[in-house]
Amino acid sequence: MKVAIIGSTHAGTFSAIQVKKQHPDAEVTVFEQHSTVSFLSCGIALWLGNHVSDEQRMFYETPASMNAQGIEMKMQHEVVAVNLAKKNIQAKNLLTGKLLSETFDKIVITTGSKPLKPNISGIDSDRIYMVKSWEDAKTIKAIANDVKRVIVIGAGYIGAEIAEQFSVTNKQVTLIDGCDHVLPKNFSPVISERLEKSFKEHKVELALNQMVTSFDELPNEGIRVNTDKGSYEADIAVLGIGFLPNTQLFNDQVDMLKNGAIITNEYMETSVPDVYAAGDATTVYYNPTQSYDYLPLATNAIRQGMLVGQNIDGHQLAYTGTQGTSAVELYGFALSATGMTKATAEHHGLEVEETIHEENYRPDFMLSTTPVLSTLTWEKQTHRIVGAAFISKHDISQAANVVSLAIQNNMTIDDLAMADFFFQPNFTQPVNFVGATALKAIDEMKNYIDVYKTVD
């Protein structure tokens, strides 16, 4: 069995390793246009803030380690044409210019994603930096110590982390976003507002609810970012507004969403026989909405890559979907989330309630404790849990994993409230406050019913 994998993203790396592990006799070839594999881009912000011991440790595999596992690595080979129906790949050696053409039994598409780059005036300035690849990371790290003013565009996870790290290394930072809160897609305003206080305490200017309209290069080698509400100047601008699937090579050959995300079934198979796809290039089955969506997360990519290996020669293991569970640490706050907020759920047409609860992470009689603020989102009619989020100065990140399992298994607030969670004062209780929030949700639901009956 000859298997070609296009791209050594997280999904590509795990696909190759798993295919070889499950089928030792398979001939596995990976085509990668860059010279590195498996870069952990989540470490870029930490590297900028000097929290990384060795930048090479942001790679968990190398071309040599992949070769040692019996995988042929075609590094610095750009795939320039693909015929998915005939399983033919044409690639250009970027070092020699030589073109090669080869036909395979199976093709795996793991081309990942690319930064969203809107078509606005000045966007191609070399004073605007991306934060996606290893090349991006090296470029921005090289000038990080020399800049004094930074504008970060995009207040999602990447933008928030970049803004935080520049602010704690004594840069003047402006954070711009079109939404009215930081981390708007992951957390409800009650949590975002608490975090925004920390940004302001660290002198980050929050330019929220503003859309960037253009960029102007300044004579002093700086840049001006113009929005629909004002203008901001800095030495550099960092663009972190999201990603799009990097799938244009496969247009009109395979079923896709409108944004270019390749549609797969639960076995990672595309609409073309013997062609698979995984990672940021693909859709995911999103359990909160029970429909396919686009959520470019490394955790999704790794699981999908492993599933390619399991299913490359038959249906062995089905994808159970995702909740988009994630976490971040900012200014000493641990934040974690799974599923949807009330706003995102309503945007998807769900009728939901959101319960907000705050309690200490362990009993007050202990010598130390600190509050945990929780939100729980659930459907009004079915009580099915569709989302949760947490923030605390204590590491309560695992709480999101607990609720993630609840969503994946279609649990209700009633189920979660009655789940068997242990209690012991010496230990933190990251799941006890989950149960307490669910109990409060039940009380709110009962109060709603009682009021409804009275009115009726």
Protein backbone atom coordinates (compact mmCIF):
# COMPACT_ATOMS: atom_id res chain seq x y z
CA MET A 1 0.00 0.00 0.00
CA LYS A 2 1.48 3.34 -1.11
CA VAL A 3 0.24 6.28 0.95
CA ALA A 4 0.98 9.95 0.23
CA ILE A 5 0.49 12.57 2.93
CA ILE A 6 0.42 16.18 1.80
CA GLY A 7 1.72 18.38 4.62
CA SER A 8 3.46 17.64 7.91
CA THR A 9 1.09 19.61 10.12
CA HIS A 10 0.05 18.02 13.42
CA ALA A 11 -2.52 16.00 11.50
CA GLY A 12 0.04 15.02 8.86
CA THR A 13 2.66 13.99 11.39
CA PHE A 14 0.24 11.85 13.37
CA SER A 15 -1.30 10.40 10.21
CA ALA A 16 2.09 9.26 8.95
CA ILE A 17 3.15 7.75 12.25
CA GLN A 18 -0.16 5.97 12.80
CA VAL A 19 -0.37 4.61 9.25
CA LYS A 20 3.13 3.17 9.61
CA LYS A 21 2.35 1.78 13.06
CA GLN A 22 -0.87 0.09 11.93
CA HIS A 23 0.58 -1.04 8.57
CA PRO A 24 4.34 -1.58 8.91
CA ASP A 25 4.64 -2.71 5.28
CA ALA A 26 2.98 0.42 3.90
CA GLU A 27 5.10 2.84 1.87
CA VAL A 28 4.39 6.20 3.45
CA THR A 29 5.62 9.40 1.80
CA VAL A 30 5.17 12.88 3.28
CA PHE A 31 5.42 15.98 1.08
CA GLU A 32 6.35 19.13 3.02
CA GLN A 33 7.35 22.48 1.51
CA HIS A 34 9.22 23.66 4.61
CA SER A 35 12.34 22.23 6.30
CA THR A 36 10.70 21.40 9.65
CA VAL A 37 7.80 19.31 10.90
CA SER A 38 5.47 19.33 13.92
CA PHE A 39 5.96 22.94 15.08
CA LEU A 40 3.95 23.79 18.21
CA SER A 41 2.74 27.26 17.24
CA CYS A 42 1.03 27.57 20.63
CA GLY A 43 4.51 28.30 21.97
CA ILE A 44 5.07 31.47 19.92
CA ALA A 45 3.69 33.85 22.55
CA LEU A 46 5.64 32.09 25.30
CA TRP A 47 8.81 32.35 23.24
CA LEU A 48 8.24 36.08 22.76
CA GLY A 49 7.90 36.43 26.53
CA ASN A 50 11.13 34.46 27.11
CA HIS A 51 9.38 31.51 28.74
CA VAL A 52 10.81 28.83 26.45
CA SER A 53 13.94 26.96 27.55
CA ASP A 54 14.93 25.89 24.02
CA GLU A 55 13.02 26.80 20.89
CA GLN A 56 13.91 23.44 19.33
CA ARG A 57 11.76 21.80 21.99
CA MET A 58 8.74 23.36 20.28
CA PHE A 59 9.10 20.50 17.79
CA TYR A 60 8.10 16.99 18.90
CA GLU A 61 9.31 15.29 15.69
CA THR A 62 12.02 16.00 13.12
CA PRO A 63 12.48 14.80 9.54
CA ALA A 64 15.19 12.48 10.86
CA SER A 65 12.94 10.99 13.54
CA MET A 66 10.20 10.43 10.96
CA ASN A 67 12.66 8.76 8.60
CA ALA A 68 13.78 6.52 11.45
CA GLN A 69 10.19 5.28 11.71
CA GLY A 70 10.25 4.19 8.08
CA ILE A 71 8.51 7.27 6.67
CA GLU A 72 9.96 8.87 3.52
CA MET A 73 10.11 12.62 4.08
CA LYS A 74 10.10 14.76 0.94
CA MET A 75 11.16 17.96 2.67
CA GLN A 76 11.14 21.29 0.84
CA HIS A 77 8.91 19.75 -1.80
CA GLU A 78 5.92 21.86 -2.76
CA VAL A 79 2.96 19.96 -4.16
CA VAL A 80 1.98 21.99 -7.21
CA ALA A 81 -0.74 19.78 -8.70
CA VAL A 82 -2.91 16.88 -7.56
CA ASN A 83 -5.35 14.64 -9.38
CA LEU A 84 -7.30 13.09 -6.53
CA ALA A 85 -9.34 10.79 -8.74
CA LYS A 86 -6.18 9.25 -10.25
CA LYS A 87 -4.18 9.58 -6.99
CA ASN A 88 -1.40 11.44 -8.80
CA ILE A 89 0.79 14.04 -7.13
CA GLN A 90 3.19 16.46 -8.82
CA ALA A 91 5.72 18.13 -6.54
CA LYS A 92 8.53 20.62 -7.04
CA ASN A 93 11.84 20.28 -5.22
CA LEU A 94 12.33 23.83 -3.95
CA LEU A 95 16.11 23.35 -3.73
CA THR A 96 16.73 22.00 -7.24
CA GLY A 97 13.61 23.06 -9.11
CA LYS A 98 13.11 19.49 -10.28
CA LEU A 99 9.52 18.29 -10.78
CA LEU A 100 8.44 14.80 -9.86
CA SER A 101 5.20 12.95 -10.53
CA GLU A 102 4.06 9.89 -8.61
CA THR A 103 0.87 7.86 -8.22
CA PHE A 104 -0.31 6.37 -4.93
CA ASP A 105 -2.98 4.01 -3.62
CA LYS A 106 -4.14 6.45 -0.94
CA ILE A 107 -3.81 10.20 -0.45
CA VAL A 108 -4.12 12.02 2.88
CA ILE A 109 -4.71 15.77 2.81
CA THR A 110 -3.24 17.51 5.85
CA THR A 111 -2.33 20.88 4.38
CA GLY A 112 -3.49 22.74 7.48
CA SER A 113 -4.64 26.33 7.59
CA LYS A 114 -3.37 29.76 6.64
CA PRO A 115 -3.77 33.10 8.44
CA LEU A 116 -6.88 35.03 7.55
CA LYS A 117 -5.64 38.09 5.65
CA PRO A 118 -8.40 40.50 4.62
CA ASN A 119 -8.05 42.40 1.36
CA ILE A 120 -7.62 45.90 2.75
CA SER A 121 -5.23 48.69 1.86
CA GLY A 122 -1.69 48.29 3.23
CA ILE A 123 -2.12 44.69 4.40
CA ASP A 124 1.06 43.58 2.59
CA SER A 125 3.35 45.90 4.55
CA ASP A 126 6.48 44.19 5.90
CA ARG A 127 5.70 45.90 9.23
CA ILE A 128 2.75 43.56 9.69
CA TYR A 129 3.65 40.19 11.22
CA MET A 130 1.81 36.86 11.24
CA VAL A 131 1.87 34.29 14.04
CA LYS A 132 1.35 30.88 12.49
CA SER A 133 4.46 29.06 11.28
CA TRP A 134 7.99 28.49 12.52
CA GLU A 135 9.13 31.03 9.94
CA ASP A 136 6.65 33.57 11.38
CA ALA A 137 7.90 32.82 14.89
CA LYS A 138 11.56 33.38 13.99
CA THR A 139 10.78 36.60 12.14
CA ILE A 140 8.85 38.21 14.98
CA LYS A 141 11.24 36.92 17.66
CA ALA A 142 14.17 38.54 15.84
CA ILE A 143 12.71 42.04 16.27
CA ALA A 144 10.80 41.57 19.56
CA ASN A 145 13.49 43.05 21.80
CA ASP A 146 13.88 46.16 19.65
CA VAL A 147 10.27 47.31 19.31
CA LYS A 148 8.65 49.57 21.88
CA ARG A 149 5.09 49.84 20.55
CA VAL A 150 3.00 46.99 19.25
CA ILE A 151 -0.53 46.80 17.83
CA VAL A 152 -2.14 43.38 18.01
CA ILE A 153 -5.18 42.82 15.79
CA GLY A 154 -7.50 40.08 16.97
CA ALA A 155 -8.47 39.41 20.59
CA GLY A 156 -8.93 35.66 20.32
CA TYR A 157 -6.54 33.25 21.99
CA ILE A 158 -3.52 34.04 19.80
CA GLY A 159 -3.97 37.81 19.88
CA ALA A 160 -4.67 37.89 23.61
CA GLU A 161 -1.56 35.83 24.37
CA ILE A 162 0.67 37.93 22.10
CA ALA A 163 -0.67 41.16 23.64
CA GLU A 164 -0.13 39.82 27.16
CA GLN A 165 3.46 38.74 26.52
CA PHE A 166 4.40 42.04 24.88
CA SER A 167 2.82 43.95 27.77
CA VAL A 168 4.72 42.03 30.47
CA THR A 169 7.96 42.70 28.59
CA ASN A 170 7.38 46.45 28.84
CA LYS A 171 6.00 47.21 25.40
CA GLN A 172 3.25 49.73 24.75
CA VAL A 173 0.43 47.53 23.46
CA THR A 174 -2.86 48.23 21.70
CA LEU A 175 -5.26 45.32 21.22
CA ILE A 176 -7.86 45.78 18.47
CA ASP A 177 -10.88 43.58 17.80
CA GLY A 178 -14.19 43.91 15.99
CA CYS A 179 -16.11 42.38 18.90
CA ASP A 180 -16.88 44.23 22.11
CA HIS A 181 -14.92 41.89 24.42
CA VAL A 182 -11.66 39.97 24.61
CA LEU A 183 -11.94 36.24 23.78
CA PRO A 184 -15.54 36.77 22.60
CA LYS A 185 -16.04 33.34 21.00
CA ASN A 186 -14.87 31.35 24.01
CA PHE A 187 -16.15 33.23 27.04
CA SER A 188 -19.22 35.16 28.08
CA PRO A 189 -18.86 38.86 28.96
CA VAL A 190 -18.94 38.12 32.70
CA ILE A 191 -15.62 36.28 32.32
CA SER A 192 -14.12 38.50 29.60
CA GLU A 193 -14.76 41.64 31.65
CA ARG A 194 -12.78 40.21 34.57
CA LEU A 195 -9.87 39.47 32.26
CA GLU A 196 -10.07 42.87 30.59
CA LYS A 197 -9.34 44.51 33.95
CA SER A 198 -5.95 42.77 33.92
CA PHE A 199 -5.19 43.99 30.41
CA LYS A 200 -5.95 47.54 31.52
CA GLU A 201 -3.90 47.13 34.71
CA HIS A 202 -0.95 46.22 32.46
CA LYS A 203 -1.59 49.36 30.39
CA VAL A 204 -2.86 47.56 27.31
CA GLU A 205 -5.13 49.87 25.34
CA LEU A 206 -8.26 47.92 24.41
CA ALA A 207 -9.65 49.16 21.10
CA LEU A 208 -12.69 46.89 20.99
CA ASN A 209 -15.76 46.94 18.77
CA GLN A 210 -13.64 48.40 15.99
CA MET A 211 -12.97 47.14 12.47
CA VAL A 212 -9.60 47.73 10.81
CA THR A 213 -10.05 49.59 7.52
CA SER A 214 -6.47 50.18 6.32
CA PHE A 215 -2.75 50.35 7.18
CA ASP A 216 -0.30 53.18 6.49
CA GLU A 217 3.48 52.92 6.70
CA LEU A 218 5.01 55.86 8.59
CA PRO A 219 8.22 57.73 7.68
CA ASN A 220 9.85 56.63 10.96
CA GLU A 221 9.47 52.96 9.94
CA GLY A 222 6.38 52.59 12.08
CA ILE A 223 2.85 51.71 11.03
CA ARG A 224 -0.57 53.28 11.45
CA VAL A 225 -3.63 51.07 11.83
CA ASN A 226 -6.85 52.80 10.85
CA THR A 227 -10.19 51.55 12.13
CA ASP A 228 -13.77 52.71 11.69
CA LYS A 229 -13.41 54.55 15.00
CA GLY A 230 -9.87 55.89 15.07
CA SER A 231 -6.18 55.43 14.24
CA TYR A 232 -3.33 53.85 16.23
CA GLU A 233 0.42 54.00 15.66
CA ALA A 234 3.17 51.54 16.61
CA ASP A 235 6.48 50.10 15.45
CA ILE A 236 4.82 46.91 14.21
CA ALA A 237 1.40 45.32 13.92
CA VAL A 238 0.67 41.65 14.59
CA LEU A 239 -2.23 40.06 12.74
CA GLY A 240 -4.06 37.27 14.56
CA ILE A 241 -7.67 37.35 13.43
CA GLY A 242 -8.13 33.68 12.58
CA PHE A 243 -7.43 31.04 9.96
CA LEU A 244 -8.81 29.58 6.75
CA PRO A 245 -8.32 26.06 5.38
CA ASN A 246 -5.29 25.81 3.09
CA THR A 247 -7.09 23.74 0.48
CA GLN A 248 -7.19 25.73 -2.76
CA LEU A 249 -5.13 23.00 -4.45
CA PHE A 250 -8.14 20.68 -4.22
CA ASN A 251 -10.89 23.02 -5.43
CA ASP A 252 -13.57 21.31 -7.52
CA GLN A 253 -12.15 17.87 -6.71
CA VAL A 254 -13.62 17.14 -3.30
CA ASP A 255 -16.64 18.27 -1.27
CA MET A 256 -15.98 21.36 0.85
CA LEU A 257 -17.72 23.96 2.96
CA LYS A 258 -17.91 27.47 1.52
CA ASN A 259 -14.74 28.46 3.41
CA GLY A 260 -12.77 25.62 1.79
CA ALA A 261 -12.84 23.14 4.69
CA ILE A 262 -12.89 19.60 3.30
CA ILE A 263 -15.88 17.55 4.42
CA THR A 264 -15.11 14.09 5.78
CA ASN A 265 -17.16 11.33 7.35
CA GLU A 266 -16.50 9.82 10.77
CA TYR A 267 -13.65 7.73 9.32
CA MET A 268 -11.82 10.74 7.87
CA GLU A 269 -12.82 9.77 4.32
CA THR A 270 -13.56 12.52 1.81
CA SER A 271 -16.04 12.37 -1.06
CA VAL A 272 -13.30 10.84 -3.26
CA PRO A 273 -12.59 7.12 -2.67
CA ASP A 274 -9.23 6.41 -0.98
CA VAL A 275 -8.68 10.11 -0.24
CA TYR A 276 -8.61 11.14 3.42
CA ALA A 277 -8.31 14.51 5.15
CA ALA A 278 -7.54 15.63 8.68
CA GLY A 279 -6.71 18.68 10.76
CA ASP A 280 -7.14 22.36 9.96
CA ALA A 281 -7.88 21.55 6.32
CA THR A 282 -11.11 19.79 7.29
CA THR A 283 -14.42 20.10 9.02
CA VAL A 284 -15.13 18.58 12.43
CA TYR A 285 -18.34 17.16 13.81
CA TYR A 286 -19.25 19.68 16.51
CA ASN A 287 -21.18 17.92 19.25
CA PRO A 288 -22.80 21.00 20.82
CA THR A 289 -24.65 21.79 17.57
CA GLN A 290 -24.62 18.19 16.30
CA SER A 291 -23.48 19.38 12.89
CA TYR A 292 -20.26 19.85 10.90
CA ASP A 293 -18.26 23.02 11.49
CA TYR A 294 -14.76 24.46 11.18
CA LEU A 295 -12.67 24.57 14.38
CA PRO A 296 -8.92 24.69 13.67
CA LEU A 297 -7.45 23.33 16.91
CA ALA A 298 -4.32 21.21 17.34
CA THR A 299 -6.20 18.79 19.59
CA ASN A 300 -8.72 18.12 16.84
CA ALA A 301 -5.93 17.72 14.28
CA ILE A 302 -4.02 15.19 16.37
CA ARG A 303 -7.08 13.01 16.99
CA GLN A 304 -8.09 13.14 13.34
CA GLY A 305 -4.55 12.26 12.25
CA MET A 306 -4.58 9.22 14.50
CA LEU A 307 -7.95 8.20 13.05
CA VAL A 308 -6.51 8.31 9.53
CA GLY A 309 -4.00 5.69 10.62
CA GLN A 310 -6.75 3.56 12.13
CA ASN A 311 -9.01 3.75 9.08
CA ILE A 312 -6.63 3.94 6.12
CA ASP A 313 -7.48 0.36 5.13
CA GLY A 314 -10.99 -0.15 6.51
CA HIS A 315 -13.43 1.23 9.06
CA GLN A 316 -11.86 0.53 12.44
CA LEU A 317 -12.53 3.53 14.67
CA ALA A 318 -15.11 6.31 14.22
CA TYR A 319 -14.63 9.96 15.13
CA THR A 320 -16.71 10.90 18.17
CA GLY A 321 -16.69 14.60 17.36
CA THR A 322 -15.37 17.57 19.28
CA GLN A 323 -16.48 20.20 21.77
CA GLY A 324 -13.70 22.65 20.90
CA THR A 325 -12.32 22.36 24.43
CA SER A 326 -9.50 24.82 25.09
CA ALA A 327 -7.61 26.71 27.76
CA VAL A 328 -5.26 29.65 28.17
CA GLU A 329 -3.34 31.37 30.96
CA LEU A 330 -3.30 35.17 30.99
CA TYR A 331 -1.98 37.46 33.71
CA GLY A 332 -2.11 34.64 36.27
CA PHE A 333 -5.68 33.68 35.39
CA ALA A 334 -6.41 30.14 34.28
CA LEU A 335 -9.22 30.17 31.75
CA SER A 336 -10.78 27.10 30.16
CA ALA A 337 -13.85 26.54 28.02
CA THR A 338 -15.75 23.87 26.15
CA GLY A 339 -18.65 24.08 23.74
CA MET A 340 -20.59 27.29 23.30
CA THR A 341 -21.38 30.45 25.20
CA LYS A 342 -24.96 31.71 25.36
CA ALA A 343 -24.26 34.13 22.50
CA THR A 344 -22.65 31.56 20.19
CA ALA A 345 -25.41 29.04 20.95
CA GLU A 346 -28.09 31.56 20.06
CA HIS A 347 -26.15 32.43 16.90
CA HIS A 348 -26.50 28.76 15.94
CA GLY A 349 -30.24 28.93 16.55
CA LEU A 350 -30.35 27.15 19.92
CA GLU A 351 -32.66 28.31 22.70
CA VAL A 352 -30.47 28.24 25.78
CA GLU A 353 -29.96 29.51 29.28
CA GLU A 354 -26.66 30.45 30.88
CA THR A 355 -26.04 29.88 34.57
CA ILE A 356 -23.33 31.96 36.27
CA HIS A 357 -21.89 30.75 39.56
CA GLU A 358 -18.94 31.76 41.73
CA GLU A 359 -17.43 29.93 44.69
CA ASN A 360 -14.00 29.24 46.14
CA TYR A 361 -12.03 26.35 44.74
CA ARG A 362 -11.77 24.76 48.19
CA PRO A 363 -13.44 25.36 51.61
CA ASP A 364 -13.11 28.71 53.31
CA PHE A 365 -11.67 27.14 56.47
CA MET A 366 -8.49 26.27 54.56
CA LEU A 367 -5.62 28.73 54.94
CA SER A 368 -5.65 29.57 51.26
CA THR A 369 -8.31 29.60 48.59
CA THR A 370 -9.49 31.80 45.73
CA PRO A 371 -12.72 32.21 43.75
CA VAL A 372 -13.72 30.31 40.63
CA LEU A 373 -16.19 31.97 38.27
CA SER A 374 -18.14 29.47 36.15
CA THR A 375 -20.68 29.64 33.37
CA LEU A 376 -22.80 26.73 32.18
CA THR A 377 -24.86 26.88 28.98
CA TRP A 378 -27.77 24.48 28.48
CA GLU A 379 -30.80 24.03 26.25
CA LYS A 380 -34.07 25.23 27.78
CA GLN A 381 -36.25 22.40 26.52
CA THR A 382 -33.97 19.38 26.84
CA HIS A 383 -31.61 20.62 29.60
CA ARG A 384 -28.77 19.27 27.39
CA ILE A 385 -25.44 20.88 28.25
CA VAL A 386 -23.85 22.71 25.31
CA GLY A 387 -21.07 24.73 26.91
CA ALA A 388 -19.15 25.83 29.99
CA ALA A 389 -16.30 28.16 30.90
CA PHE A 390 -14.17 28.88 33.96
CA ILE A 391 -11.75 31.53 35.24
CA SER A 392 -9.69 31.57 38.42
CA LYS A 393 -6.29 32.49 39.77
CA HIS A 394 -6.03 28.80 40.67
CA ASP A 395 -5.48 26.20 37.95
CA ILE A 396 -9.02 24.96 37.38
CA SER A 397 -8.47 24.16 33.71
CA GLN A 398 -9.46 20.50 34.08
CA ALA A 399 -13.02 21.57 34.86
CA ALA A 400 -13.57 22.19 31.15
CA ASN A 401 -12.51 18.63 30.39
CA VAL A 402 -15.16 17.35 32.79
CA VAL A 403 -17.93 19.26 31.05
CA SER A 404 -16.47 18.34 27.65
CA LEU A 405 -17.16 14.69 28.45
CA ALA A 406 -20.65 15.63 29.59
CA ILE A 407 -21.38 17.36 26.27
CA GLN A 408 -19.89 14.50 24.25
CA ASN A 409 -22.21 12.08 26.05
CA ASN A 410 -25.30 14.29 25.70
CA MET A 411 -25.64 14.77 29.45
CA THR A 412 -28.16 17.18 30.96
CA ILE A 413 -27.74 19.60 33.81
CA ASP A 414 -29.62 17.06 35.94
CA ASP A 415 -27.06 14.36 35.07
CA LEU A 416 -24.14 16.64 35.82
CA ALA A 417 -25.56 17.83 39.13
CA MET A 418 -25.90 14.23 40.34
CA ALA A 419 -22.53 13.01 39.06
CA ASP A 420 -20.32 11.30 41.66
CA PHE A 421 -17.51 13.78 42.37
CA PHE A 422 -15.40 13.26 45.49
CA PHE A 423 -14.86 15.93 48.11
CA GLN A 424 -11.78 16.26 50.36
CA PRO A 425 -10.64 19.63 51.77
CA ASN A 426 -6.93 19.13 51.07
CA PHE A 427 -7.51 18.80 47.37
CA THR A 428 -8.72 21.34 44.94
CA GLN A 429 -12.22 20.70 43.76
CA PRO A 430 -12.31 21.57 40.07
CA VAL A 431 -15.34 19.40 39.53
CA ASN A 432 -17.27 20.13 42.70
CA PHE A 433 -18.01 23.65 41.54
CA VAL A 434 -19.08 22.15 38.20
CA GLY A 435 -21.72 20.17 40.07
CA ALA A 436 -22.66 23.21 42.12
CA THR A 437 -23.15 25.26 38.95
CA ALA A 438 -25.34 22.50 37.51
CA LEU A 439 -27.43 22.44 40.71
CA LYS A 440 -27.88 26.18 40.44
CA ALA A 441 -28.96 25.70 36.82
CA ILE A 442 -31.63 23.25 37.96
CA ASP A 443 -32.87 25.74 40.55
CA GLU A 444 -33.04 28.45 37.90
CA MET A 445 -34.92 26.13 35.61
CA LYS A 446 -37.44 25.28 38.35
CA ASN A 447 -37.90 28.95 39.18
CA TYR A 448 -38.52 29.66 35.50
CA ILE A 449 -41.18 26.94 35.38
CA ASP A 450 -42.84 28.19 38.57
CA VAL A 451 -42.99 31.74 37.23
CA TYR A 452 -44.33 30.49 33.91
CA LYS A 453 -47.10 28.54 35.69
CA THR A 454 -48.04 31.61 37.76
CA VAL A 455 -48.28 33.78 34.66
CA ASP A 456 -50.18 31.08 32.80
